[in-house]
Amino acid sequence: MEGVKGLGDMGEVDLDAWVGRREVADNCVTSAPISGLSATLDRNEPPRALGDESPPLRHWLYFLPRHRQSEIGGDGHARRGGSLPPVTVPRRMSAGGRVSFERPLRVGEAIRRLSTVRSIDSKSGKRGSLVFVTVRHAVSGSFGGAISKAHDIVYREAPNLAEPSPAKPRARTDEHWRRDIRPDDVLLFRQPGLTFNGHRIRYDRRYVTQTEGYPGLVVQGPLIAALVADLARREDARPLASFALRAVGPLFDVTPFSVCGAPTAVGDGAELCARSAEGALAMQAEARFRGRDEQP
């Protein structure tokens, strides 16, 4: 990949130099964030006690960014650089990921996350430059390895508000399970409050409509993923062995949306999605459940 212009006075930056870059973060599994997300998902669950298992995907509640206010950019995200490459394409969003659960985390457990930039690829699309970054996270704790995750991040050009929006793919309508979600201001406030995410598309209506060109506040991807995974948990009591998701299109607070799913044909998992009120596919996911003879 040819070098691209970095931030400020960094000059020409070879993004390939960021491949292999690592970052280590330490934390401890506590019960309060778990209870907070359970309440946000409208689950009636008792607080976790010391030593209790954490539900799947709750590792998102730890290793949170703690950037100083002076390090925040105009969109509410931290300025580029550090462990992630200083990509100058302005729009940054999560494109998806794949998570494998080797064992559950436990409340009170000291945990460590090793993050490694695995790949950086640039492409040119109909709407400008695209840069794809994949980061691998390995979470381990007092009882050994626990979670392996590949996180895909995409950087896009700023929108041309004069251009029409591209056609949106349609979501499945043959689901066995369905839950309707009304993304009000309280729901959109609670989830980023748990993850310390200051991105302005979640709460600043003037910014999101006038600068980003969206019709309303954007429902955060981790919240959609949590709701999709929670649907699988509500419908099947088996523990998750893996969860893969792909973000397809945004959802907004101006209309309700649905999370839907159905068991796979072989019965060891579920095919899931998030669907807009107009029937557009917003997120596609696949869950695989752990069999009774599989040991975590």
C-alpha atoms as a PDB file:
ATOM      1  CA  MET A   1       0.000   0.000   0.000  1.00  0.00           C
ATOM      2  CA  GLU A   2       1.272   3.422  -0.848  1.00  0.00           C
ATOM      3  CA  GLY A   3       1.745   5.883   1.979  1.00  0.00           C
ATOM      4  CA  VAL A   4      -1.117   8.270   2.636  1.00  0.00           C
ATOM      5  CA  LYS A   5      -1.143  11.656   4.280  1.00  0.00           C
ATOM      6  CA  GLY A   6      -1.422  11.395   8.041  1.00  0.00           C
ATOM      7  CA  LEU A   7      -2.605  13.820  10.690  1.00  0.00           C
ATOM      8  CA  GLY A   8      -1.299  17.331  11.099  1.00  0.00           C
ATOM      9  CA  ASP A   9       2.447  17.457  10.657  1.00  0.00           C
ATOM     10  CA  MET A  10       2.891  13.678  10.449  1.00  0.00           C
ATOM     11  CA  GLY A  11       3.340  14.018   6.678  1.00  0.00           C
ATOM     12  CA  GLU A  12       3.271  10.923   4.507  1.00  0.00           C
ATOM     13  CA  VAL A  13       2.440   7.844   6.582  1.00  0.00           C
ATOM     14  CA  ASP A  14       2.897   4.265   5.392  1.00  0.00           C
ATOM     15  CA  LEU A  15      -0.135   2.509   6.853  1.00  0.00           C
ATOM     16  CA  ASP A  16       1.573  -0.855   6.433  1.00  0.00           C
ATOM     17  CA  ALA A  17       3.822   0.168   9.318  1.00  0.00           C
ATOM     18  CA  TRP A  18       0.809  -0.234  11.625  1.00  0.00           C
ATOM     19  CA  VAL A  19       0.273  -3.897  10.701  1.00  0.00           C
ATOM     20  CA  GLY A  20       1.435  -5.975  13.644  1.00  0.00           C
ATOM     21  CA  ARG A  21       1.202  -3.094  16.100  1.00  0.00           C
ATOM     22  CA  ARG A  22       0.038  -4.294  19.507  1.00  0.00           C
ATOM     23  CA  GLU A  23      -1.664  -2.836  22.531  1.00  0.00           C
ATOM     24  CA  VAL A  24      -2.208  -4.434  25.941  1.00  0.00           C
ATOM     25  CA  ALA A  25      -4.980  -3.413  28.332  1.00  0.00           C
ATOM     26  CA  ASP A  26      -5.819  -4.758  31.784  1.00  0.00           C
ATOM     27  CA  ASN A  27      -9.130  -4.718  33.617  1.00  0.00           C
ATOM     28  CA  CYS A  28     -11.273  -6.623  36.091  1.00  0.00           C
ATOM     29  CA  VAL A  29     -14.704  -8.149  35.502  1.00  0.00           C
ATOM     30  CA  THR A  30     -17.178  -6.287  37.705  1.00  0.00           C
ATOM     31  CA  SER A  31     -20.911  -6.852  38.099  1.00  0.00           C
ATOM     32  CA  ALA A  32     -22.241  -3.279  37.747  1.00  0.00           C
ATOM     33  CA  PRO A  33     -21.713  -2.924  33.946  1.00  0.00           C
ATOM     34  CA  ILE A  34     -23.213  -6.395  33.413  1.00  0.00           C
ATOM     35  CA  SER A  35     -26.333  -5.357  35.330  1.00  0.00           C
ATOM     36  CA  GLY A  36     -26.428  -2.076  33.402  1.00  0.00           C
ATOM     37  CA  LEU A  37     -26.428  -3.801  30.021  1.00  0.00           C
ATOM     38  CA  SER A  38     -29.002  -6.352  31.207  1.00  0.00           C
ATOM     39  CA  ALA A  39     -31.297  -3.481  32.196  1.00  0.00           C
ATOM     40  CA  THR A  40     -30.692  -1.783  28.845  1.00  0.00           C
ATOM     41  CA  LEU A  41     -31.671  -5.008  27.061  1.00  0.00           C
ATOM     42  CA  ASP A  42     -34.783  -5.192  29.285  1.00  0.00           C
ATOM     43  CA  ARG A  43     -33.718  -8.415  30.963  1.00  0.00           C
ATOM     44  CA  ASN A  44     -34.811  -9.256  34.509  1.00  0.00           C
ATOM     45  CA  GLU A  45     -31.571 -10.739  35.808  1.00  0.00           C
ATOM     46  CA  PRO A  46     -30.209 -10.672  39.371  1.00  0.00           C
ATOM     47  CA  PRO A  47     -26.844  -8.988  39.940  1.00  0.00           C
ATOM     48  CA  ARG A  48     -23.837 -11.240  39.383  1.00  0.00           C
ATOM     49  CA  ALA A  49     -21.978 -12.218  42.554  1.00  0.00           C
ATOM     50  CA  LEU A  50     -18.244 -12.764  42.890  1.00  0.00           C
ATOM     51  CA  GLY A  51     -17.265 -15.826  40.863  1.00  0.00           C
ATOM     52  CA  ASP A  52     -20.451 -15.908  38.756  1.00  0.00           C
ATOM     53  CA  GLU A  53     -20.175 -16.317  35.000  1.00  0.00           C
ATOM     54  CA  SER A  54     -20.558 -13.255  32.819  1.00  0.00           C
ATOM     55  CA  PRO A  55     -23.000 -13.577  29.890  1.00  0.00           C
ATOM     56  CA  PRO A  56     -21.465 -13.630  26.392  1.00  0.00           C
ATOM     57  CA  LEU A  57     -20.295 -10.408  24.722  1.00  0.00           C
ATOM     58  CA  ARG A  58     -20.042  -8.559  28.037  1.00  0.00           C
ATOM     59  CA  HIS A  59     -16.300  -8.182  27.418  1.00  0.00           C
ATOM     60  CA  TRP A  60     -17.397  -5.093  25.410  1.00  0.00           C
ATOM     61  CA  LEU A  61     -18.020  -3.422  28.772  1.00  0.00           C
ATOM     62  CA  TYR A  62     -14.361  -3.496  29.767  1.00  0.00           C
ATOM     63  CA  PHE A  63     -11.082  -2.119  28.362  1.00  0.00           C
ATOM     64  CA  LEU A  64     -12.911   1.130  27.647  1.00  0.00           C
ATOM     65  CA  PRO A  65     -11.134   4.126  26.064  1.00  0.00           C
ATOM     66  CA  ARG A  66     -10.092   6.867  28.464  1.00  0.00           C
ATOM     67  CA  HIS A  67      -8.935   9.611  26.130  1.00  0.00           C
ATOM     68  CA  ARG A  68      -8.580  13.067  27.617  1.00  0.00           C
ATOM     69  CA  GLN A  69     -11.011  15.720  26.419  1.00  0.00           C
ATOM     70  CA  SER A  70      -8.210  17.470  24.515  1.00  0.00           C
ATOM     71  CA  GLU A  71      -7.618  14.265  22.507  1.00  0.00           C
ATOM     72  CA  ILE A  72     -11.171  14.101  21.129  1.00  0.00           C
ATOM     73  CA  GLY A  73     -11.825  14.979  17.487  1.00  0.00           C
ATOM     74  CA  GLY A  74     -14.726  16.846  15.954  1.00  0.00           C
ATOM     75  CA  ASP A  75     -16.891  13.720  15.622  1.00  0.00           C
ATOM     76  CA  GLY A  76     -16.554  12.784  19.295  1.00  0.00           C
ATOM     77  CA  HIS A  77     -14.099   9.949  18.625  1.00  0.00           C
ATOM     78  CA  ALA A  78     -10.475  10.109  19.686  1.00  0.00           C
ATOM     79  CA  ARG A  79      -8.163  11.617  17.073  1.00  0.00           C
ATOM     80  CA  ARG A  80      -6.417   9.108  14.829  1.00  0.00           C
ATOM     81  CA  GLY A  81      -3.125   7.482  15.675  1.00  0.00           C
ATOM     82  CA  GLY A  82      -1.908   5.402  18.605  1.00  0.00           C
ATOM     83  CA  SER A  83      -2.578   1.680  18.184  1.00  0.00           C
ATOM     84  CA  LEU A  84      -4.898   2.280  15.204  1.00  0.00           C
ATOM     85  CA  PRO A  85      -3.475   3.695  11.944  1.00  0.00           C
ATOM     86  CA  PRO A  86      -3.906   7.451  11.327  1.00  0.00           C
ATOM     87  CA  VAL A  87      -6.267   7.013   8.384  1.00  0.00           C
ATOM     88  CA  THR A  88      -7.361  10.391   7.029  1.00  0.00           C
ATOM     89  CA  VAL A  89     -10.621   9.144   5.465  1.00  0.00           C
ATOM     90  CA  PRO A  90     -13.022  10.839   7.882  1.00  0.00           C
ATOM     91  CA  ARG A  91     -15.880   8.439   8.612  1.00  0.00           C
ATOM     92  CA  ARG A  92     -14.997   5.544  10.916  1.00  0.00           C
ATOM     93  CA  MET A  93     -17.428   2.752  11.717  1.00  0.00           C
ATOM     94  CA  SER A  94     -17.527  -0.870  12.721  1.00  0.00           C
ATOM     95  CA  ALA A  95     -18.094  -3.219   9.767  1.00  0.00           C
ATOM     96  CA  GLY A  96     -18.474  -6.438  11.740  1.00  0.00           C
ATOM     97  CA  GLY A  97     -16.518  -9.095  13.527  1.00  0.00           C
ATOM     98  CA  ARG A  98     -16.192 -12.705  14.603  1.00  0.00           C
ATOM     99  CA  VAL A  99     -16.060 -13.790  18.250  1.00  0.00           C
ATOM    100  CA  SER A 100     -15.135 -17.220  19.636  1.00  0.00           C
ATOM    101  CA  PHE A 101     -15.896 -18.040  23.271  1.00  0.00           C
ATOM    102  CA  GLU A 102     -13.417 -20.480  24.777  1.00  0.00           C
ATOM    103  CA  ARG A 103     -14.835 -20.119  28.282  1.00  0.00           C
ATOM    104  CA  PRO A 104     -16.939 -17.582  30.203  1.00  0.00           C
ATOM    105  CA  LEU A 105     -15.389 -14.721  32.123  1.00  0.00           C
ATOM    106  CA  ARG A 106     -16.172 -14.579  35.839  1.00  0.00           C
ATOM    107  CA  VAL A 107     -16.992 -11.637  38.089  1.00  0.00           C
ATOM    108  CA  GLY A 108     -13.908 -10.615  40.030  1.00  0.00           C
ATOM    109  CA  GLU A 109     -11.501 -12.097  37.467  1.00  0.00           C
ATOM    110  CA  ALA A 110      -8.498 -10.020  36.413  1.00  0.00           C
ATOM    111  CA  ILE A 111      -8.458  -9.933  32.612  1.00  0.00           C
ATOM    112  CA  ARG A 112      -6.063  -8.786  29.910  1.00  0.00           C
ATOM    113  CA  ARG A 113      -6.706  -7.910  26.270  1.00  0.00           C
ATOM    114  CA  LEU A 114      -3.977  -8.151  23.649  1.00  0.00           C
ATOM    115  CA  SER A 115      -4.974  -6.241  20.500  1.00  0.00           C
ATOM    116  CA  THR A 116      -3.059  -6.651  17.252  1.00  0.00           C
ATOM    117  CA  VAL A 117      -3.595  -4.864  13.926  1.00  0.00           C
ATOM    118  CA  ARG A 118      -3.770  -7.802  11.517  1.00  0.00           C
ATOM    119  CA  SER A 119      -4.411  -6.140   8.150  1.00  0.00           C
ATOM    120  CA  ILE A 120      -5.019  -2.804   6.412  1.00  0.00           C
ATOM    121  CA  ASP A 121      -6.505  -2.660   2.913  1.00  0.00           C
ATOM    122  CA  SER A 122      -7.524   0.342   0.826  1.00  0.00           C
ATOM    123  CA  LYS A 123     -10.004   0.375  -2.029  1.00  0.00           C
ATOM    124  CA  SER A 124     -11.763   2.873  -4.253  1.00  0.00           C
ATOM    125  CA  GLY A 125     -15.537   2.634  -4.428  1.00  0.00           C
ATOM    126  CA  LYS A 126     -18.338   4.537  -6.130  1.00  0.00           C
ATOM    127  CA  ARG A 127     -18.408   6.978  -3.223  1.00  0.00           C
ATOM    128  CA  GLY A 128     -14.683   7.485  -2.783  1.00  0.00           C
ATOM    129  CA  SER A 129     -11.850   5.888  -0.837  1.00  0.00           C
ATOM    130  CA  LEU A 130     -12.361   3.041   1.604  1.00  0.00           C
ATOM    131  CA  VAL A 131      -9.857   1.719   4.133  1.00  0.00           C
ATOM    132  CA  PHE A 132     -10.499  -1.584   5.910  1.00  0.00           C
ATOM    133  CA  VAL A 133      -8.658  -2.374   9.142  1.00  0.00           C
ATOM    134  CA  THR A 134      -8.904  -5.711  10.965  1.00  0.00           C
ATOM    135  CA  VAL A 135      -7.853  -5.891  14.604  1.00  0.00           C
ATOM    136  CA  ARG A 136      -7.567  -9.154  16.513  1.00  0.00           C
ATOM    137  CA  HIS A 137      -8.354  -9.108  20.237  1.00  0.00           C
ATOM    138  CA  ALA A 138      -7.378 -11.959  22.542  1.00  0.00           C
ATOM    139  CA  VAL A 139      -8.874 -11.802  26.046  1.00  0.00           C
ATOM    140  CA  SER A 140      -7.417 -13.950  28.794  1.00  0.00           C
ATOM    141  CA  GLY A 141      -7.749 -14.021  32.542  1.00  0.00           C
ATOM    142  CA  SER A 142      -6.944 -15.825  35.734  1.00  0.00           C
ATOM    143  CA  PHE A 143      -8.226 -19.119  34.285  1.00  0.00           C
ATOM    144  CA  GLY A 144      -6.519 -18.867  30.889  1.00  0.00           C
ATOM    145  CA  GLY A 145      -7.714 -17.846  27.435  1.00  0.00           C
ATOM    146  CA  ALA A 146     -11.355 -16.812  27.206  1.00  0.00           C
ATOM    147  CA  ILE A 147     -12.274 -14.873  24.054  1.00  0.00           C
ATOM    148  CA  SER A 148     -10.836 -14.426  20.580  1.00  0.00           C
ATOM    149  CA  LYS A 149     -12.262 -11.707  18.373  1.00  0.00           C
ATOM    150  CA  ALA A 150     -11.535 -10.282  14.930  1.00  0.00           C
ATOM    151  CA  HIS A 151     -12.934  -6.743  14.594  1.00  0.00           C
ATOM    152  CA  ASP A 152     -13.392  -5.180  11.164  1.00  0.00           C
ATOM    153  CA  ILE A 153     -13.303  -1.367  10.940  1.00  0.00           C
ATOM    154  CA  VAL A 154     -14.064   0.633   7.808  1.00  0.00           C
ATOM    155  CA  TYR A 155     -13.129   4.249   7.066  1.00  0.00           C
ATOM    156  CA  ARG A 156     -15.254   6.063   4.460  1.00  0.00           C
ATOM    157  CA  GLU A 157     -15.346   9.439   2.770  1.00  0.00           C
ATOM    158  CA  ALA A 158     -17.619  12.166   4.132  1.00  0.00           C
ATOM    159  CA  PRO A 159     -21.063  12.005   2.507  1.00  0.00           C
ATOM    160  CA  ASN A 160     -22.111  14.083  -0.453  1.00  0.00           C
ATOM    161  CA  LEU A 161     -25.513  15.222   0.755  1.00  0.00           C
ATOM    162  CA  ALA A 162     -26.629  15.989  -2.807  1.00  0.00           C
ATOM    163  CA  GLU A 163     -26.233  12.365  -3.928  1.00  0.00           C
ATOM    164  CA  PRO A 164     -29.142   9.918  -3.532  1.00  0.00           C
ATOM    165  CA  SER A 165     -28.678   7.081  -1.053  1.00  0.00           C
ATOM    166  CA  PRO A 166     -27.779   3.692  -2.583  1.00  0.00           C
ATOM    167  CA  ALA A 167     -30.354   0.924  -2.714  1.00  0.00           C
ATOM    168  CA  LYS A 168     -30.539  -1.080   0.520  1.00  0.00           C
ATOM    169  CA  PRO A 169     -30.556  -4.909   0.561  1.00  0.00           C
ATOM    170  CA  ARG A 170     -33.712  -6.528   1.885  1.00  0.00           C
ATOM    171  CA  ALA A 171     -33.776  -8.524   5.111  1.00  0.00           C
ATOM    172  CA  ARG A 172     -35.280 -11.966   5.520  1.00  0.00           C
ATOM    173  CA  THR A 173     -38.962 -12.179   6.446  1.00  0.00           C
ATOM    174  CA  ASP A 174     -39.244 -15.899   7.276  1.00  0.00           C
ATOM    175  CA  GLU A 175     -38.012 -15.582  10.848  1.00  0.00           C
ATOM    176  CA  HIS A 176     -39.105 -17.874  13.689  1.00  0.00           C
ATOM    177  CA  TRP A 177     -38.198 -15.310  16.344  1.00  0.00           C
ATOM    178  CA  ARG A 178     -38.768 -11.592  16.371  1.00  0.00           C
ATOM    179  CA  ARG A 179     -38.498  -8.730  18.806  1.00  0.00           C
ATOM    180  CA  ASP A 180     -39.525  -5.179  17.937  1.00  0.00           C
ATOM    181  CA  ILE A 181     -37.363  -2.343  19.262  1.00  0.00           C
ATOM    182  CA  ARG A 182     -38.276   1.313  19.614  1.00  0.00           C
ATOM    183  CA  PRO A 183     -34.947   3.219  19.784  1.00  0.00           C
ATOM    184  CA  ASP A 184     -35.898   6.172  21.973  1.00  0.00           C
ATOM    185  CA  ASP A 185     -33.483   8.737  23.413  1.00  0.00           C
ATOM    186  CA  VAL A 186     -33.101   6.850  26.702  1.00  0.00           C
ATOM    187  CA  LEU A 187     -32.063   3.607  25.007  1.00  0.00           C
ATOM    188  CA  LEU A 188     -29.568   5.438  22.787  1.00  0.00           C
ATOM    189  CA  PHE A 189     -28.146   7.208  25.861  1.00  0.00           C
ATOM    190  CA  ARG A 190     -27.726   4.165  28.098  1.00  0.00           C
ATOM    191  CA  GLN A 191     -25.613   1.925  25.865  1.00  0.00           C
ATOM    192  CA  PRO A 192     -22.830   4.416  24.969  1.00  0.00           C
ATOM    193  CA  GLY A 193     -22.882   5.485  28.609  1.00  0.00           C
ATOM    194  CA  LEU A 194     -21.858   1.945  29.498  1.00  0.00           C
ATOM    195  CA  THR A 195     -19.057   1.911  26.913  1.00  0.00           C
ATOM    196  CA  PHE A 196     -17.852   5.543  27.275  1.00  0.00           C
ATOM    197  CA  ASN A 197     -18.435   6.163  23.567  1.00  0.00           C
ATOM    198  CA  GLY A 198     -18.683   9.887  22.799  1.00  0.00           C
ATOM    199  CA  HIS A 199     -19.377   9.634  19.057  1.00  0.00           C
ATOM    200  CA  ARG A 200     -21.754  12.521  18.286  1.00  0.00           C
ATOM    201  CA  ILE A 201     -23.960  10.533  15.883  1.00  0.00           C
ATOM    202  CA  ARG A 202     -25.498   8.919  18.998  1.00  0.00           C
ATOM    203  CA  TYR A 203     -26.796  12.069  20.685  1.00  0.00           C
ATOM    204  CA  ASP A 204     -26.173  15.272  18.688  1.00  0.00           C
ATOM    205  CA  ARG A 205     -29.151  15.586  16.342  1.00  0.00           C
ATOM    206  CA  ARG A 206     -27.941  18.772  14.655  1.00  0.00           C
ATOM    207  CA  TYR A 207     -24.508  17.261  13.959  1.00  0.00           C
ATOM    208  CA  VAL A 208     -25.860  13.968  12.652  1.00  0.00           C
ATOM    209  CA  THR A 209     -28.408  15.563  10.314  1.00  0.00           C
ATOM    210  CA  GLN A 210     -26.432  18.577   9.085  1.00  0.00           C
ATOM    211  CA  THR A 211     -22.863  17.218   9.013  1.00  0.00           C
ATOM    212  CA  GLU A 212     -23.306  13.472   8.529  1.00  0.00           C
ATOM    213  CA  GLY A 213     -26.470  13.774   6.454  1.00  0.00           C
ATOM    214  CA  TYR A 214     -28.468  11.154   8.334  1.00  0.00           C
ATOM    215  CA  PRO A 215     -32.219  11.499   8.981  1.00  0.00           C
ATOM    216  CA  GLY A 216     -31.885  11.003  12.733  1.00  0.00           C
ATOM    217  CA  LEU A 217     -29.678   9.745  15.538  1.00  0.00           C
ATOM    218  CA  VAL A 218     -27.811   6.562  14.602  1.00  0.00           C
ATOM    219  CA  VAL A 219     -28.479   3.432  16.618  1.00  0.00           C
ATOM    220  CA  GLN A 220     -25.030   2.274  17.722  1.00  0.00           C
ATOM    221  CA  GLY A 221     -23.721  -0.938  16.168  1.00  0.00           C
ATOM    222  CA  PRO A 222     -22.760  -2.578  19.502  1.00  0.00           C
ATOM    223  CA  LEU A 223     -26.310  -2.032  20.761  1.00  0.00           C
ATOM    224  CA  ILE A 224     -27.790  -3.664  17.650  1.00  0.00           C
ATOM    225  CA  ALA A 225     -25.343  -6.566  18.004  1.00  0.00           C
ATOM    226  CA  ALA A 226     -26.198  -6.952  21.695  1.00  0.00           C
ATOM    227  CA  LEU A 227     -29.927  -7.008  20.893  1.00  0.00           C
ATOM    228  CA  VAL A 228     -29.413  -9.561  18.112  1.00  0.00           C
ATOM    229  CA  ALA A 229     -27.301 -11.823  20.341  1.00  0.00           C
ATOM    230  CA  ASP A 230     -29.774 -11.350  23.190  1.00  0.00           C
ATOM    231  CA  LEU A 231     -32.568 -12.626  20.946  1.00  0.00           C
ATOM    232  CA  ALA A 232     -30.606 -15.853  20.455  1.00  0.00           C
ATOM    233  CA  ARG A 233     -30.125 -16.129  24.231  1.00  0.00           C
ATOM    234  CA  ARG A 234     -33.842 -15.600  24.856  1.00  0.00           C
ATOM    235  CA  GLU A 235     -34.805 -18.326  22.394  1.00  0.00           C
ATOM    236  CA  ASP A 236     -32.096 -20.928  23.071  1.00  0.00           C
ATOM    237  CA  ALA A 237     -30.628 -21.602  26.507  1.00  0.00           C
ATOM    238  CA  ARG A 238     -27.440 -23.235  25.216  1.00  0.00           C
ATOM    239  CA  PRO A 239     -24.253 -21.188  25.737  1.00  0.00           C
ATOM    240  CA  LEU A 240     -22.766 -19.456  22.728  1.00  0.00           C
ATOM    241  CA  ALA A 241     -19.643 -20.945  21.194  1.00  0.00           C
ATOM    242  CA  SER A 242     -19.233 -18.245  18.544  1.00  0.00           C
ATOM    243  CA  PHE A 243     -20.949 -15.168  17.176  1.00  0.00           C
ATOM    244  CA  ALA A 244     -20.254 -13.485  13.838  1.00  0.00           C
ATOM    245  CA  LEU A 245     -21.819 -10.299  12.554  1.00  0.00           C
ATOM    246  CA  ARG A 246     -21.681  -8.003   9.555  1.00  0.00           C
ATOM    247  CA  ALA A 247     -22.964  -4.439   9.582  1.00  0.00           C
ATOM    248  CA  VAL A 248     -24.894  -3.753   6.363  1.00  0.00           C
ATOM    249  CA  GLY A 249     -26.660  -0.416   6.864  1.00  0.00           C
ATOM    250  CA  PRO A 250     -27.534   2.088   9.591  1.00  0.00           C
ATOM    251  CA  LEU A 251     -30.651   2.268  11.741  1.00  0.00           C
ATOM    252  CA  PHE A 252     -32.062   5.534  13.092  1.00  0.00           C
ATOM    253  CA  ASP A 253     -34.188   6.637  16.002  1.00  0.00           C
ATOM    254  CA  VAL A 254     -36.951   7.994  13.744  1.00  0.00           C
ATOM    255  CA  THR A 255     -38.583   4.565  13.247  1.00  0.00           C
ATOM    256  CA  PRO A 256     -38.720   1.235  15.123  1.00  0.00           C
ATOM    257  CA  PHE A 257     -36.716  -1.760  13.968  1.00  0.00           C
ATOM    258  CA  SER A 258     -36.787  -5.508  14.562  1.00  0.00           C
ATOM    259  CA  VAL A 259     -34.256  -8.157  15.516  1.00  0.00           C
ATOM    260  CA  CYS A 260     -35.128 -11.487  13.952  1.00  0.00           C
ATOM    261  CA  GLY A 261     -33.801 -15.012  13.786  1.00  0.00           C
ATOM    262  CA  ALA A 262     -34.328 -18.679  13.065  1.00  0.00           C
ATOM    263  CA  PRO A 263     -32.500 -21.906  13.977  1.00  0.00           C
ATOM    264  CA  THR A 264     -30.052 -23.234  11.404  1.00  0.00           C
ATOM    265  CA  ALA A 265     -30.992 -26.338   9.485  1.00  0.00           C
ATOM    266  CA  VAL A 266     -28.544 -28.532  11.407  1.00  0.00           C
ATOM    267  CA  GLY A 267     -29.784 -27.151  14.712  1.00  0.00           C
ATOM    268  CA  ASP A 268     -26.443 -26.108  16.198  1.00  0.00           C
ATOM    269  CA  GLY A 269     -26.948 -22.375  15.763  1.00  0.00           C
ATOM    270  CA  ALA A 270     -29.107 -19.544  14.544  1.00  0.00           C
ATOM    271  CA  GLU A 271     -29.213 -17.129  11.623  1.00  0.00           C
ATOM    272  CA  LEU A 272     -30.055 -13.630  12.844  1.00  0.00           C
ATOM    273  CA  CYS A 273     -30.532 -10.133  11.541  1.00  0.00           C
ATOM    274  CA  ALA A 274     -31.658  -6.605  12.340  1.00  0.00           C
ATOM    275  CA  ARG A 275     -34.326  -5.204   9.994  1.00  0.00           C
ATOM    276  CA  SER A 276     -35.539  -1.652   9.541  1.00  0.00           C
ATOM    277  CA  ALA A 277     -39.220  -0.725   9.565  1.00  0.00           C
ATOM    278  CA  GLU A 278     -38.990  -0.519   5.763  1.00  0.00           C
ATOM    279  CA  GLY A 279     -37.615  -4.060   5.538  1.00  0.00           C
ATOM    280  CA  ALA A 280     -33.964  -3.144   4.839  1.00  0.00           C
ATOM    281  CA  LEU A 281     -31.191  -5.335   6.204  1.00  0.00           C
ATOM    282  CA  ALA A 282     -29.144  -3.485   8.830  1.00  0.00           C
ATOM    283  CA  MET A 283     -27.095  -6.284  10.393  1.00  0.00           C
ATOM    284  CA  GLN A 284     -26.570  -9.942   9.584  1.00  0.00           C
ATOM    285  CA  ALA A 285     -25.331 -12.371  12.215  1.00  0.00           C
ATOM    286  CA  GLU A 286     -24.793 -16.037  12.897  1.00  0.00           C
ATOM    287  CA  ALA A 287     -24.621 -17.671  16.308  1.00  0.00           C
ATOM    288  CA  ARG A 288     -23.342 -21.157  17.047  1.00  0.00           C
ATOM    289  CA  PHE A 289     -24.330 -22.814  20.288  1.00  0.00           C
ATOM    290  CA  ARG A 290     -22.093 -25.074  22.324  1.00  0.00           C
ATOM    291  CA  GLY A 291     -23.156 -28.712  22.270  1.00  0.00           C
ATOM    292  CA  ARG A 292     -23.670 -30.656  25.471  1.00  0.00           C
ATOM    293  CA  ASP A 293     -20.552 -32.713  24.771  1.00  0.00           C
ATOM    294  CA  GLU A 294     -18.412 -29.601  24.148  1.00  0.00           C
ATOM    295  CA  GLN A 295     -16.450 -28.394  27.141  1.00  0.00           C
ATOM    296  CA  PRO A 296     -15.780 -24.633  27.436  1.00  0.00           C
END
